Amino acid sequence: MQKKSERGFASVLIVLALAALSAWGLECYYKADMENQIVQRRVQGIQALYAAEAGIEWAKAALRANPGWRQGERTLSQGSVSVSVSVSVSADKGGYTVVATGKARLGVRKICVFMVWQEEDWVLCSYQEMHN
């Protein structure tokens, strides 16, 4: 026969065990959710970088067709890209400075290149990813 003080002891242990397991489960869920958010932001950053690089290629093609082209913006399936072009004159050669900004949801990347036309193609003289 059990004493009155021992009857509720098993119930208290079960409630404490369930509370501990629930807390552990919530912690695991929280960590997994944070990892998922980190991965999504990284993917968005990579997509934005690819969009900016596509903007550089777009500027090359547009300047090949029309040397007077100076800017443009396009919407892509995963974001957008905006490009601005300015004529640069350095000490030894002239060329174009192209700044392309790629956006993919929360990811934003900006690339600045200096390029010159040589032997029927664009040659990149400098490439810089710009950070805010």
Protein backbone atom coordinates (compact mmCIF):
# COMPACT_ATOMS: atom_id res chain seq x y z
CA MET A 1 0.00 0.00 0.00
CA GLN A 2 1.28 3.48 -0.92
CA LYS A 3 1.31 6.46 1.32
CA LYS A 4 -0.75 9.49 0.29
CA SER A 5 2.43 11.53 -0.34
CA GLU A 6 3.76 8.93 -2.83
CA ARG A 7 0.61 8.72 -4.99
CA GLY A 8 1.16 12.02 -6.86
CA PHE A 9 4.94 11.60 -7.20
CA ALA A 10 4.75 9.61 -10.46
CA SER A 11 2.37 12.18 -11.97
CA VAL A 12 4.74 15.01 -11.08
CA LEU A 13 7.65 13.15 -12.65
CA ILE A 14 5.68 12.56 -15.84
CA VAL A 15 4.67 16.23 -16.05
CA LEU A 16 8.29 17.33 -15.51
CA ALA A 17 9.54 14.88 -18.14
CA LEU A 18 6.95 16.13 -20.66
CA ALA A 19 7.88 19.75 -19.91
CA ALA A 20 11.58 19.01 -20.40
CA LEU A 21 10.96 17.16 -23.67
CA SER A 22 8.68 19.97 -24.90
CA ALA A 23 11.34 22.58 -24.10
CA TRP A 24 13.97 20.51 -25.91
CA GLY A 25 11.66 20.11 -28.93
CA LEU A 26 10.99 23.86 -29.06
CA GLU A 27 14.72 24.56 -28.87
CA CYS A 28 15.40 22.16 -31.76
CA TYR A 29 12.63 23.77 -33.82
CA TYR A 30 13.97 27.27 -33.12
CA LYS A 31 17.52 26.29 -34.12
CA ALA A 32 16.33 24.58 -37.30
CA ASP A 33 14.23 27.62 -38.22
CA MET A 34 17.18 29.97 -37.69
CA GLU A 35 19.42 27.75 -39.85
CA ASN A 36 16.75 27.79 -42.56
CA GLN A 37 16.60 31.61 -42.47
CA ILE A 38 20.40 31.83 -42.70
CA VAL A 39 20.43 29.54 -45.73
CA GLN A 40 17.62 31.48 -47.42
CA ARG A 41 19.49 34.78 -46.96
CA ARG A 42 22.67 33.23 -48.35
CA VAL A 43 20.80 31.92 -51.40
CA GLN A 44 19.20 35.33 -51.95
CA GLY A 45 22.63 36.97 -51.78
CA ILE A 46 24.02 34.55 -54.37
CA GLN A 47 21.01 35.12 -56.63
CA ALA A 48 21.49 38.89 -56.31
CA LEU A 49 25.17 38.53 -57.24
CA TYR A 50 24.27 36.48 -60.32
CA ALA A 51 21.68 39.12 -61.27
CA ALA A 52 24.34 41.85 -60.99
CA GLU A 53 26.75 39.82 -63.13
CA ALA A 54 23.96 39.34 -65.68
CA GLY A 55 23.56 43.12 -65.65
CA ILE A 56 27.22 43.51 -66.60
CA GLU A 57 26.73 41.10 -69.52
CA TRP A 58 23.58 42.99 -70.53
CA ALA A 59 25.55 46.26 -70.52
CA LYS A 60 28.24 44.69 -72.73
CA ALA A 61 25.65 43.60 -75.28
CA ALA A 62 23.79 46.92 -75.14
CA LEU A 63 26.99 48.95 -75.55
CA ARG A 64 28.08 46.74 -78.43
CA ALA A 65 24.81 47.54 -80.21
CA ASN A 66 24.59 51.19 -79.11
CA PRO A 67 27.65 52.96 -77.61
CA GLY A 68 25.34 55.73 -76.37
CA TRP A 69 23.37 53.41 -74.05
CA ARG A 70 23.61 54.65 -70.45
CA GLN A 71 21.15 52.82 -68.16
CA GLY A 72 18.41 50.29 -67.84
CA GLU A 73 16.41 48.16 -65.45
CA ARG A 74 14.96 44.69 -65.88
CA THR A 75 12.74 42.46 -63.79
CA LEU A 76 13.89 38.86 -63.53
CA SER A 77 12.04 35.78 -62.33
CA GLN A 78 13.82 35.90 -58.95
CA GLY A 79 14.43 39.65 -58.61
CA SER A 80 15.64 42.61 -60.63
CA VAL A 81 18.76 44.27 -61.99
CA SER A 82 19.53 47.92 -62.66
CA VAL A 83 22.54 49.09 -64.66
CA SER A 84 24.14 52.50 -65.09
CA VAL A 85 26.98 53.29 -67.49
CA SER A 86 29.33 56.24 -67.52
CA VAL A 87 32.12 57.08 -69.92
CA SER A 88 35.52 57.04 -68.22
CA VAL A 89 38.75 58.49 -69.41
CA SER A 90 41.83 57.19 -67.61
CA ALA A 91 45.39 58.32 -68.14
CA ASP A 92 46.16 55.70 -70.78
CA LYS A 93 42.81 54.64 -72.30
CA GLY A 94 39.14 55.44 -72.36
CA GLY A 95 36.36 53.06 -71.53
CA TYR A 96 33.14 52.61 -69.62
CA THR A 97 32.42 52.28 -65.93
CA VAL A 98 29.42 50.02 -65.42
CA VAL A 99 27.60 49.67 -62.11
CA ALA A 100 25.08 46.84 -61.87
CA THR A 101 22.83 46.31 -58.85
CA GLY A 102 21.14 42.93 -58.50
CA LYS A 103 18.25 42.30 -56.12
CA ALA A 104 16.69 39.00 -55.10
CA ARG A 105 14.08 39.43 -52.37
CA LEU A 106 16.17 40.67 -49.41
CA GLY A 107 19.54 40.07 -51.08
CA VAL A 108 21.23 43.03 -52.77
CA ARG A 109 24.63 42.99 -54.51
CA LYS A 110 26.38 45.72 -56.47
CA ILE A 111 29.22 45.27 -58.96
CA CYS A 112 31.33 47.99 -60.52
CA VAL A 113 33.52 47.23 -63.54
CA PHE A 114 35.74 49.27 -65.81
CA MET A 115 35.88 47.91 -69.34
CA VAL A 116 37.39 48.89 -72.66
CA TRP A 117 36.74 47.78 -76.22
CA GLN A 118 39.71 45.89 -77.65
CA GLU A 119 39.96 43.62 -80.64
CA GLU A 120 36.22 43.34 -81.26
CA ASP A 121 35.31 42.45 -77.66
CA TRP A 122 34.96 43.99 -74.20
CA VAL A 123 37.91 43.57 -71.84
CA LEU A 124 37.32 44.00 -68.13
CA CYS A 125 40.14 46.02 -66.60
CA SER A 126 38.73 46.05 -63.07
CA TYR A 127 35.98 44.21 -61.22
CA GLN A 128 34.79 45.19 -57.76
CA GLU A 129 31.88 44.00 -55.66
CA MET A 130 30.71 47.00 -53.71
CA HIS A 131 29.39 46.68 -50.15
CA ASN A 132 27.25 49.18 -48.29
